[in-house]
Amino acid sequence: MSLDRRSLRAGAIAGVFLLIGIVAGILLTVSTGGVGEAQSATPVGASSNGFPSVAKATMPAVVNISTTRVVKRQGSTKSPFMDDPVFRHFFGDEFSRQFQVPRERRENSLGSGVIVSSDGYIVTNAHVIDKADEIKVLLNDKRELVGKVVGSDPKTDIAVIKISGRDFPTIPWGDSSKIEIGEYAMAIGNPFGLNSTVTLGIVSAVGRSGMGIEDYENFIQTDAAINPGNSGGALVNTRGELIGINTAIYSRTGGYMGIGFAIPSNMVKSVMNSLVKTGKVVRGYLGVSIQDVNPKIAKQFGLSKAEGALVSDVVSGSPAEKAGIKSGDVIQRYNGETMENSTMLRHRVADTAVGTSVEMEVLRDSKTLKLSVLLAEQPKDMGAKKGESVKEEGKSTALAGLEVQDLTPEIARQLNLPRGTQGVVVSNVETGSAAEEAGLQGGDVIVELNRKSIRNLDDFRKASRLLGKKDSVLMLISRQGSRIFIAINP
């Protein structure tokens, strides 16, 4: 199973997460220097009409986004036989020119968007407008306008575009921190290009992370039916408030299977305001590698329950090092708030303004310490990881000279991989090695080793350590959108 950004353009693909979303509006005012707070609104779901009232109030803010980009072909722009003198003698130069291969081709894509202010700001998914040369916005009243990119944040898959005009329909923000599991949720969007489609479901879960979809994940899970073409839209509650922007579904068939994921509205609002004000997103930086506290670790550290973020490494010269945080510390509270896991801490740090001094409580040697940390700005190369050589730690001749590293969301984007692809990426293959002779290349993503799933470096290490010096290896790799098996003999 995986998540596939390209499925939005190509249609449903079996066994992948598909990029999708749904659309509703957000009621905002735009003040000088950024996007303002939402205006007050009467809860539309409180009327006797119920869900129809919610749909009627929110559908006018739904937009259909279509993008076009020009892809340049590499190599020759004409068929090889056009240079054949015999062909040119019989058919002439003019006839030959009619059969030249076009130098460029146009790619089209459909998605959804949400009008977030009356003067034309629209929020959508970053992947919907990625590399677009032209953006067209079709409103519910059939008007077609040109959209211009204000800013995009691939780490959360949020983008903001702008259309010219005034008095556009909008929807008020909802507070995603108050969402309860089991409450009704309505999805409004343009699946398969079918404008203004409404579906109903419930909130199935909150705080979903570790999906491999984005760098920052805190998804709302819903069973409201969503399909390709909905990307960049909205999830609304029974009060007609925006509670999330849907971005992906889980599917083994390429279609709806009852599990969709939405970016919480509070995260969307924060990112959008930053994009409108500065054109980029500035995040706080602590400078630690952290992991969840599982029951075994909790027992070792004398914790009553598996809670907090365990520091496994501290970056030299970082705010964390300057504040005295050490490897082995368990961060339990951040500015007075209990940290349930490492994901929660990561989000809180990223959302904190650069230059802010925060109070932290850490557990060290069974003692609670209070530390003050002055946050810096997150480096642009955040998340880049060094490759680790199998040659130095494995016994297998088949894997000798092979260097791999964790597959980060950023690397996955650079390789244009389906969203949610898990594995390790080949960073180097030694010349003359068995791996090179078998055809393994840099940029290949190893997803299986001897029919065992490889999700990360730990899985790869465990599998490689089981290999003898003369054992052969069967790998399943992902390369340029295709999966192939490669056999490596020592």
Protein backbone atom coordinates (compact mmCIF):
# COMPACT_ATOMS: atom_id res chain seq x y z
CA MET A 1 0.00 0.00 0.00
CA SER A 2 1.22 3.51 -0.71
CA LEU A 3 0.17 7.02 -1.49
CA ASP A 4 0.35 8.29 -5.05
CA ARG A 5 0.51 11.99 -6.01
CA ARG A 6 0.38 11.15 -9.70
CA SER A 7 -2.89 9.24 -9.40
CA LEU A 8 -4.64 12.61 -9.40
CA ARG A 9 -3.59 13.04 -13.03
CA ALA A 10 -3.55 9.44 -14.18
CA GLY A 11 -6.63 8.10 -12.39
CA ALA A 12 -6.93 5.29 -9.87
CA ILE A 13 -3.91 3.01 -9.34
CA ALA A 14 -4.32 -0.22 -7.36
CA GLY A 15 -2.41 -0.58 -4.13
CA VAL A 16 -1.64 3.07 -3.53
CA PHE A 17 -2.75 5.96 -1.45
CA LEU A 18 -4.32 8.42 -3.85
CA LEU A 19 -4.04 12.11 -3.56
CA ILE A 20 -7.48 13.47 -3.14
CA GLY A 21 -9.31 16.09 -1.19
CA ILE A 22 -12.60 17.84 -0.89
CA VAL A 23 -13.68 21.41 -1.09
CA ALA A 24 -15.46 23.84 1.13
CA GLY A 25 -14.83 27.52 1.86
CA ILE A 26 -13.32 29.37 4.76
CA LEU A 27 -14.54 32.75 5.94
CA LEU A 28 -11.62 35.10 6.53
CA THR A 29 -10.76 38.75 6.25
CA VAL A 30 -7.45 39.84 4.80
CA SER A 31 -5.78 42.63 6.73
CA THR A 32 -2.63 44.56 5.88
CA GLY A 33 0.29 42.11 6.11
CA GLY A 34 -1.66 38.85 6.14
CA VAL A 35 -4.86 36.88 6.46
CA GLY A 36 -7.10 37.89 9.35
CA GLU A 37 -9.36 35.97 11.66
CA ALA A 38 -12.62 34.38 10.48
CA GLN A 39 -15.78 36.39 10.79
CA SER A 40 -18.54 35.22 13.10
CA ALA A 41 -21.29 33.12 11.56
CA THR A 42 -24.54 31.49 12.56
CA PRO A 43 -24.10 27.70 12.83
CA VAL A 44 -25.96 26.56 9.73
CA GLY A 45 -26.36 23.01 10.97
CA ALA A 46 -28.41 24.24 13.90
CA SER A 47 -31.43 24.90 11.69
CA SER A 48 -34.22 22.40 11.17
CA ASN A 49 -32.96 21.61 7.66
CA GLY A 50 -29.80 19.95 9.03
CA PHE A 51 -27.33 18.67 6.46
CA PRO A 52 -28.99 20.30 3.44
CA SER A 53 -28.47 23.67 5.14
CA VAL A 54 -24.77 22.92 5.61
CA ALA A 55 -24.41 21.90 1.97
CA LYS A 56 -26.31 24.95 0.72
CA ALA A 57 -24.17 27.31 2.81
CA THR A 58 -20.81 25.79 1.88
CA MET A 59 -21.12 24.70 -1.76
CA PRO A 60 -20.86 28.24 -3.22
CA ALA A 61 -17.31 28.41 -1.83
CA VAL A 62 -16.24 25.24 -3.64
CA VAL A 63 -13.98 25.77 -6.65
CA ASN A 64 -12.64 23.46 -9.32
CA ILE A 65 -8.95 23.96 -10.01
CA SER A 66 -7.46 22.87 -13.34
CA THR A 67 -3.75 23.24 -14.03
CA THR A 68 -1.61 22.97 -17.12
CA ARG A 69 2.12 22.59 -17.39
CA VAL A 70 4.38 22.31 -20.40
CA VAL A 71 6.84 19.41 -20.29
CA LYS A 72 9.84 19.67 -22.57
CA ARG A 73 11.00 16.53 -24.30
CA GLN A 74 14.65 15.58 -24.04
CA GLY A 75 16.78 14.39 -26.93
CA SER A 76 15.96 14.58 -30.60
CA THR A 77 12.82 16.38 -31.69
CA LYS A 78 12.31 14.32 -34.84
CA SER A 79 12.30 10.69 -35.90
CA PRO A 80 15.76 9.30 -36.82
CA PHE A 81 14.74 8.27 -40.36
CA MET A 82 14.03 11.90 -41.24
CA ASP A 83 17.79 12.34 -41.81
CA ASP A 84 17.89 9.41 -44.25
CA PRO A 85 18.85 10.94 -47.66
CA VAL A 86 16.75 8.32 -49.53
CA PHE A 87 13.63 9.26 -47.53
CA ARG A 88 14.28 12.97 -48.06
CA HIS A 89 14.82 12.40 -51.82
CA PHE A 90 11.43 10.74 -52.29
CA PHE A 91 9.32 12.78 -49.83
CA GLY A 92 11.11 16.14 -49.56
CA ASP A 93 11.96 18.41 -46.63
CA GLU A 94 8.44 19.79 -46.16
CA PHE A 95 6.93 16.31 -45.76
CA SER A 96 9.66 15.40 -43.26
CA ARG A 97 8.88 18.44 -41.13
CA GLN A 98 5.24 17.33 -40.81
CA PHE A 99 6.38 14.20 -38.99
CA GLN A 100 8.72 15.82 -36.52
CA VAL A 101 8.16 14.85 -32.89
CA PRO A 102 6.77 17.81 -30.87
CA ARG A 103 9.40 19.43 -28.66
CA GLU A 104 6.88 20.03 -25.89
CA ARG A 105 3.75 18.39 -24.53
CA ARG A 106 1.07 19.73 -22.20
CA GLU A 107 -0.06 17.94 -19.04
CA ASN A 108 -3.41 18.73 -17.40
CA SER A 109 -4.56 18.07 -13.86
CA LEU A 110 -7.76 18.59 -11.86
CA GLY A 111 -8.24 19.34 -8.18
CA SER A 112 -10.35 21.30 -5.74
CA GLY A 113 -9.89 24.45 -3.71
CA VAL A 114 -11.49 26.51 -0.96
CA ILE A 115 -12.10 30.26 -1.13
CA VAL A 116 -10.76 31.54 2.18
CA SER A 117 -11.42 35.27 1.95
CA SER A 118 -13.98 37.44 0.20
CA ASP A 119 -11.27 39.10 -1.89
CA GLY A 120 -10.13 35.88 -3.54
CA TYR A 121 -7.58 33.91 -1.52
CA ILE A 122 -7.94 30.17 -2.11
CA VAL A 123 -6.36 27.32 -0.15
CA THR A 124 -5.59 24.00 -1.86
CA ASN A 125 -2.99 21.22 -1.81
CA ALA A 126 0.55 22.00 -2.86
CA HIS A 127 0.60 18.98 -5.16
CA VAL A 128 -2.45 20.28 -7.04
CA ILE A 129 -0.59 23.35 -8.33
CA ASP A 130 2.94 21.89 -8.32
CA LYS A 131 4.95 23.06 -11.37
CA ALA A 132 1.82 24.48 -13.00
CA ASP A 133 2.32 26.99 -15.80
CA GLU A 134 -1.36 27.92 -15.88
CA ILE A 135 -4.06 27.73 -13.18
CA LYS A 136 -7.76 28.10 -13.95
CA VAL A 137 -10.38 28.38 -11.22
CA LEU A 138 -13.99 27.46 -11.99
CA LEU A 139 -16.45 28.90 -9.46
CA ASN A 140 -19.74 27.38 -8.42
CA ASP A 141 -21.56 30.07 -10.43
CA LYS A 142 -19.68 28.94 -13.60
CA ARG A 143 -17.29 31.90 -13.71
CA GLU A 144 -13.76 30.93 -14.80
CA LEU A 145 -10.86 32.98 -13.43
CA VAL A 146 -7.07 32.82 -13.56
CA GLY A 147 -5.30 31.85 -10.35
CA LYS A 148 -1.84 33.04 -9.28
CA VAL A 149 0.31 31.22 -6.73
CA VAL A 150 0.83 33.15 -3.49
CA GLY A 151 2.91 30.49 -1.79
CA SER A 152 3.33 26.74 -1.37
CA ASP A 153 4.51 24.52 1.50
CA PRO A 154 5.26 20.93 0.37
CA LYS A 155 6.07 19.88 3.95
CA THR A 156 2.36 20.15 4.83
CA ASP A 157 1.01 19.93 1.25
CA ILE A 158 -0.69 23.32 1.59
CA ALA A 159 -0.71 26.07 -1.03
CA VAL A 160 -2.47 29.41 -1.43
CA ILE A 161 -3.53 30.94 -4.76
CA LYS A 162 -5.27 34.25 -5.52
CA ILE A 163 -8.02 35.24 -7.95
CA SER A 164 -9.00 38.80 -8.79
CA GLY A 165 -12.37 40.09 -7.61
CA ARG A 166 -14.38 40.79 -4.49
CA ASP A 167 -17.36 39.55 -2.48
CA PHE A 168 -16.58 35.87 -3.06
CA PRO A 169 -18.50 33.33 -0.91
CA THR A 170 -16.58 31.94 2.08
CA ILE A 171 -16.99 29.60 5.08
CA PRO A 172 -15.87 30.24 8.68
CA TRP A 173 -12.99 28.40 10.31
CA GLY A 174 -13.63 25.60 12.74
CA ASP A 175 -11.28 24.75 15.62
CA SER A 176 -9.75 21.39 14.70
CA SER A 177 -8.42 20.91 18.24
CA LYS A 178 -12.01 20.45 19.41
CA ILE A 179 -12.93 17.71 16.93
CA GLU A 180 -14.34 14.58 18.53
CA ILE A 181 -14.16 11.07 17.15
CA GLY A 182 -17.60 10.01 15.95
CA GLU A 183 -18.91 13.45 15.03
CA TYR A 184 -20.39 13.99 11.58
CA ALA A 185 -18.23 15.41 8.81
CA MET A 186 -19.20 16.50 5.30
CA ALA A 187 -16.94 16.47 2.25
CA ILE A 188 -17.62 18.82 -0.65
CA GLY A 189 -15.54 18.69 -3.82
CA ASN A 190 -15.09 17.76 -7.45
CA PRO A 191 -14.32 14.02 -7.74
CA PHE A 192 -13.46 12.97 -11.29
CA GLY A 193 -14.35 16.51 -12.40
CA LEU A 194 -17.94 16.22 -11.11
CA ASN A 195 -18.43 19.67 -9.62
CA SER A 196 -20.08 20.32 -6.25
CA THR A 197 -20.29 16.74 -5.01
CA VAL A 198 -21.26 16.28 -1.34
CA THR A 199 -20.61 13.19 0.80
CA LEU A 200 -21.28 12.50 4.47
CA GLY A 201 -19.41 10.48 7.08
CA ILE A 202 -17.90 10.72 10.53
CA VAL A 203 -14.52 11.57 12.03
CA SER A 204 -12.94 8.14 12.42
CA ALA A 205 -9.73 9.19 14.20
CA VAL A 206 -7.56 12.22 14.93
CA GLY A 207 -3.81 12.77 15.22
CA ARG A 208 -2.83 10.23 12.57
CA SER A 209 0.90 10.41 11.82
CA GLY A 210 3.74 8.24 10.53
CA MET A 211 1.90 7.68 7.24
CA GLY A 212 4.80 8.83 5.06
CA ILE A 213 2.56 11.30 3.24
CA GLU A 214 4.08 14.59 4.39
CA ASP A 215 6.88 15.82 6.63
CA TYR A 216 4.34 17.19 9.12
CA GLU A 217 1.44 14.84 9.73
CA ASN A 218 -1.40 15.23 12.21
CA PHE A 219 -4.26 13.98 10.07
CA ILE A 220 -7.97 13.79 10.73
CA GLN A 221 -9.22 10.41 9.50
CA THR A 222 -12.71 10.29 8.01
CA ASP A 223 -14.95 7.83 6.18
CA ALA A 224 -16.68 10.55 4.15
CA ALA A 225 -16.36 9.33 0.56
CA ILE A 226 -13.62 11.14 -1.37
CA ASN A 227 -12.03 10.27 -4.69
CA PRO A 228 -9.44 11.53 -7.22
CA GLY A 229 -10.14 15.13 -8.15
CA ASN A 230 -11.02 16.19 -4.60
CA SER A 231 -7.46 17.19 -3.63
CA GLY A 232 -7.25 20.56 -1.94
CA GLY A 233 -10.82 20.62 -0.70
CA ALA A 234 -12.39 20.78 2.73
CA LEU A 235 -14.00 18.80 5.48
CA VAL A 236 -16.80 20.67 7.28
CA ASN A 237 -18.69 19.95 10.48
CA THR A 238 -22.43 20.17 11.13
CA ARG A 239 -22.06 23.87 11.95
CA GLY A 240 -20.82 24.54 8.44
CA GLU A 241 -17.27 25.27 9.68
CA LEU A 242 -14.06 24.21 7.99
CA ILE A 243 -12.28 21.57 10.10
CA GLY A 244 -9.83 20.14 7.55
CA ILE A 245 -8.40 20.07 4.04
CA ASN A 246 -8.46 16.52 2.69
CA THR A 247 -5.31 15.38 0.99
CA ALA A 248 -5.24 11.57 0.63
CA ILE A 249 -7.13 8.31 0.93
CA TYR A 250 -6.03 4.82 1.74
CA SER A 251 -6.92 2.37 -1.02
CA ARG A 252 -5.94 -1.05 -2.32
CA THR A 253 -8.14 -0.72 -5.39
CA GLY A 254 -7.60 2.89 -6.47
CA GLY A 255 -11.04 3.95 -5.25
CA TYR A 256 -12.79 4.89 -2.04
CA MET A 257 -12.40 2.32 0.77
CA GLY A 258 -13.70 4.29 3.75
CA ILE A 259 -10.41 5.81 4.94
CA GLY A 260 -9.47 9.39 4.06
CA PHE A 261 -7.05 11.85 5.60
CA ALA A 262 -7.48 15.59 6.11
CA ILE A 263 -5.02 18.26 7.23
CA PRO A 264 -6.46 19.89 10.40
CA SER A 265 -7.82 23.40 9.88
CA ASN A 266 -5.63 24.87 12.64
CA MET A 267 -2.50 23.73 10.79
CA VAL A 268 -3.91 24.97 7.48
CA LYS A 269 -4.71 28.36 8.98
CA SER A 270 -1.23 28.79 10.46
CA VAL A 271 0.56 27.80 7.25
CA MET A 272 -1.76 29.90 5.09
CA ASN A 273 -1.26 33.04 7.17
CA SER A 274 2.50 32.63 6.92
CA LEU A 275 2.36 32.11 3.15
CA VAL A 276 0.17 35.17 2.64
CA LYS A 277 2.34 37.39 4.84
CA THR A 278 5.81 36.26 3.75
CA GLY A 279 5.44 33.84 0.85
CA LYS A 280 7.07 31.08 2.90
CA VAL A 281 6.66 29.17 6.16
CA VAL A 282 9.14 29.85 8.96
CA ARG A 283 9.29 27.10 11.60
CA GLY A 284 10.83 26.89 15.02
CA TYR A 285 13.92 24.70 15.50
CA LEU A 286 15.07 22.82 18.59
CA GLY A 287 17.87 20.67 17.16
CA VAL A 288 17.21 17.16 18.48
CA SER A 289 16.47 13.71 17.12
CA ILE A 290 13.51 12.30 19.03
CA GLN A 291 11.49 9.09 19.19
CA ASP A 292 8.37 7.83 20.90
CA VAL A 293 8.52 6.26 24.34
CA ASN A 294 7.22 2.69 24.07
CA PRO A 295 6.33 0.50 27.09
CA LYS A 296 9.77 -1.15 27.17
CA ILE A 297 11.56 2.20 27.13
CA ALA A 298 9.16 3.57 29.74
CA LYS A 299 10.08 0.67 32.05
CA GLN A 300 13.80 1.25 31.55
CA PHE A 301 13.44 4.94 32.39
CA GLY A 302 11.14 4.34 35.34
CA LEU A 303 8.12 6.02 33.74
CA SER A 304 4.61 5.13 34.89
CA LYS A 305 3.31 5.24 31.31
CA ALA A 306 4.66 5.37 27.75
CA GLU A 307 4.51 9.11 27.23
CA GLY A 308 6.89 11.85 26.14
CA ALA A 309 9.63 12.28 23.53
CA LEU A 310 12.95 10.51 24.03
CA VAL A 311 15.99 12.47 22.82
CA SER A 312 18.30 10.16 20.87
CA ASP A 313 20.69 12.82 19.56
CA VAL A 314 21.41 16.53 19.98
CA VAL A 315 22.72 18.65 17.10
CA SER A 316 25.95 20.45 17.87
CA GLY A 317 25.46 24.19 18.33
CA SER A 318 21.66 23.87 18.32
CA PRO A 319 19.25 25.61 20.71
CA ALA A 320 18.80 22.27 22.50
CA GLU A 321 22.54 21.88 23.15
CA LYS A 322 22.83 25.48 24.34
CA ALA A 323 19.95 24.89 26.78
CA GLY A 324 21.59 21.77 28.19
CA ILE A 325 19.37 19.05 26.69
CA LYS A 326 21.22 15.73 26.41
CA SER A 327 20.78 12.41 24.65
CA GLY A 328 18.68 10.15 26.87
CA ASP A 329 16.49 12.97 28.20
CA VAL A 330 12.74 12.39 28.02
CA ILE A 331 10.93 15.63 27.16
CA GLN A 332 7.66 15.50 29.08
CA ARG A 333 6.26 19.03 28.97
CA TYR A 334 6.57 21.92 26.50
CA ASN A 335 5.42 25.34 27.68
CA GLY A 336 3.27 23.66 30.29
CA GLU A 337 1.63 21.20 27.88
CA THR A 338 2.12 17.46 28.32
CA MET A 339 3.85 15.88 25.33
CA GLU A 340 2.12 12.60 24.51
CA ASN A 341 4.64 11.55 21.85
CA SER A 342 7.46 12.75 19.59
CA THR A 343 5.08 13.85 16.82
CA MET A 344 3.25 16.18 19.18
CA LEU A 345 6.52 17.81 20.28
CA ARG A 346 7.70 18.16 16.70
CA HIS A 347 4.52 20.02 15.74
CA ARG A 348 4.62 22.29 18.79
CA VAL A 349 8.23 23.30 18.08
CA ALA A 350 7.52 23.95 14.40
CA ASP A 351 4.49 26.11 15.27
CA THR A 352 6.42 28.23 17.78
CA ALA A 353 7.71 31.59 16.54
CA VAL A 354 11.45 31.87 15.96
CA GLY A 355 13.17 33.66 18.84
CA THR A 356 10.63 32.49 21.42
CA SER A 357 11.93 31.28 24.77
CA VAL A 358 10.05 28.14 25.83
CA GLU A 359 10.04 26.25 29.13
CA MET A 360 10.59 22.51 28.98
CA GLU A 361 10.47 19.74 31.56
CA VAL A 362 12.74 16.78 30.95
CA LEU A 363 13.32 13.57 32.86
CA ARG A 364 17.02 12.75 33.37
CA ASP A 365 18.29 10.00 35.67
CA SER A 366 14.84 9.76 37.30
CA LYS A 367 14.90 13.49 38.11
CA THR A 368 12.73 16.21 36.55
CA LEU A 369 14.63 19.24 35.25
CA LYS A 370 13.23 22.55 34.03
CA LEU A 371 15.09 24.09 31.11
CA SER A 372 14.59 27.27 29.10
CA VAL A 373 15.22 27.01 25.34
CA LEU A 374 15.48 29.88 22.84
CA LEU A 375 14.20 28.53 19.52
CA ALA A 376 16.00 29.28 16.25
CA GLU A 377 14.77 29.10 12.66
CA GLN A 378 14.56 25.65 11.11
CA PRO A 379 17.37 25.07 8.55
CA LYS A 380 16.32 24.66 4.92
CA ASP A 381 18.05 21.26 4.68
CA MET A 382 16.17 19.95 7.72
CA GLY A 383 15.51 16.24 7.43
CA ALA A 384 18.44 15.42 5.16
CA LYS A 385 20.08 12.22 6.34
CA LYS A 386 23.43 10.67 5.57
CA GLY A 387 23.58 7.31 3.88
CA GLU A 388 24.88 4.32 5.83
CA SER A 389 27.07 1.73 4.18
CA VAL A 390 26.03 -1.91 4.34
CA LYS A 391 29.56 -2.89 3.37
CA GLU A 392 30.92 -2.02 6.79
CA GLU A 393 28.31 -3.80 8.91
CA GLY A 394 27.08 -6.75 6.85
CA LYS A 395 28.56 -10.15 6.07
CA SER A 396 26.93 -10.45 2.68
CA THR A 397 29.12 -10.23 -0.41
CA ALA A 398 25.96 -9.62 -2.44
CA LEU A 399 25.41 -6.33 -0.63
CA ALA A 400 29.05 -5.26 -0.40
CA GLY A 401 29.69 -1.78 -1.77
CA LEU A 402 26.04 -0.79 -1.48
CA GLU A 403 25.19 2.42 0.37
CA VAL A 404 21.61 3.24 1.35
CA GLN A 405 19.77 5.85 3.39
CA ASP A 406 16.31 6.44 4.80
CA LEU A 407 13.69 7.57 2.32
CA THR A 408 12.51 10.98 3.53
CA PRO A 409 9.42 12.76 2.12
CA GLU A 410 11.75 15.31 0.51
CA ILE A 411 13.77 12.60 -1.28
CA ALA A 412 10.53 10.90 -2.32
CA ARG A 413 9.36 14.17 -3.90
CA GLN A 414 12.66 14.60 -5.73
CA LEU A 415 12.40 11.05 -7.11
CA ASN A 416 8.70 11.63 -7.99
CA LEU A 417 7.68 8.53 -6.04
CA PRO A 418 4.11 7.60 -5.11
CA ARG A 419 3.21 9.20 -1.80
CA GLY A 420 3.68 6.89 1.15
CA THR A 421 6.33 4.74 -0.54
CA GLN A 422 8.43 3.15 2.18
CA GLY A 423 11.91 1.71 1.93
CA VAL A 424 15.55 2.77 1.71
CA VAL A 425 17.01 4.70 -1.18
CA VAL A 426 20.26 3.61 -2.84
CA SER A 427 22.71 6.53 -2.52
CA ASN A 428 25.79 4.78 -4.00
CA VAL A 429 26.72 1.52 -5.73
CA GLU A 430 30.41 0.67 -5.81
CA THR A 431 31.88 0.10 -9.26
CA GLY A 432 32.48 -3.59 -9.94
CA SER A 433 30.29 -4.77 -7.05
CA ALA A 434 27.76 -7.57 -7.38
CA ALA A 435 24.98 -5.01 -6.89
CA GLU A 436 26.19 -2.94 -9.85
CA GLU A 437 26.50 -6.01 -12.07
CA ALA A 438 22.91 -6.93 -11.18
CA GLY A 439 21.74 -3.51 -12.38
CA LEU A 440 21.08 -1.70 -9.10
CA GLN A 441 21.35 2.08 -9.52
CA GLY A 442 21.55 5.18 -7.37
CA GLY A 443 18.04 6.48 -6.70
CA ASP A 444 16.49 3.00 -6.65
CA VAL A 445 14.25 2.46 -3.62
CA ILE A 446 14.50 -0.96 -2.00
CA VAL A 447 11.04 -1.95 -0.74
CA GLU A 448 11.67 -5.68 -0.20
CA LEU A 449 14.73 -7.80 0.53
CA ASN A 450 14.27 -11.57 0.13
CA ARG A 451 10.48 -11.01 0.23
CA LYS A 452 10.62 -9.14 3.54
CA SER A 453 9.21 -5.60 3.60
CA ILE A 454 11.80 -2.86 4.08
CA ARG A 455 10.36 0.30 5.62
CA ASN A 456 13.53 1.97 6.87
CA LEU A 457 17.22 1.53 7.67
CA ASP A 458 16.49 -0.58 10.75
CA ASP A 459 14.56 -3.10 8.65
CA PHE A 460 17.35 -3.13 6.07
CA ARG A 461 20.02 -3.74 8.71
CA LYS A 462 18.07 -6.60 10.27
CA ALA A 463 17.50 -8.28 6.91
CA SER A 464 21.12 -7.84 5.77
CA ARG A 465 22.52 -9.30 8.99
CA LEU A 466 20.70 -12.57 8.30
CA LEU A 467 22.62 -13.03 5.05
CA GLY A 468 25.63 -15.28 4.74
CA LYS A 469 28.68 -14.33 2.72
CA LYS A 470 27.60 -16.43 -0.26
CA ASP A 471 23.84 -15.91 -0.02
CA SER A 472 22.01 -14.51 -3.02
CA VAL A 473 19.60 -11.62 -2.62
CA LEU A 474 16.24 -10.93 -4.27
CA MET A 475 15.22 -7.28 -4.12
CA LEU A 476 12.00 -5.57 -5.08
CA ILE A 477 12.80 -1.99 -6.01
CA SER A 478 10.85 1.07 -7.09
CA ARG A 479 12.41 2.88 -10.06
CA GLN A 480 10.84 5.80 -11.94
CA GLY A 481 7.31 4.81 -10.97
CA SER A 482 7.71 1.09 -11.73
CA ARG A 483 8.48 -1.86 -9.46
CA ILE A 484 10.94 -4.53 -10.58
CA PHE A 485 12.76 -7.47 -9.01
CA ILE A 486 16.55 -7.62 -9.06
CA ALA A 487 18.55 -10.72 -8.14
CA ILE A 488 22.07 -10.17 -6.80
CA ASN A 489 24.48 -13.10 -6.76
CA PRO A 490 27.73 -12.80 -4.73
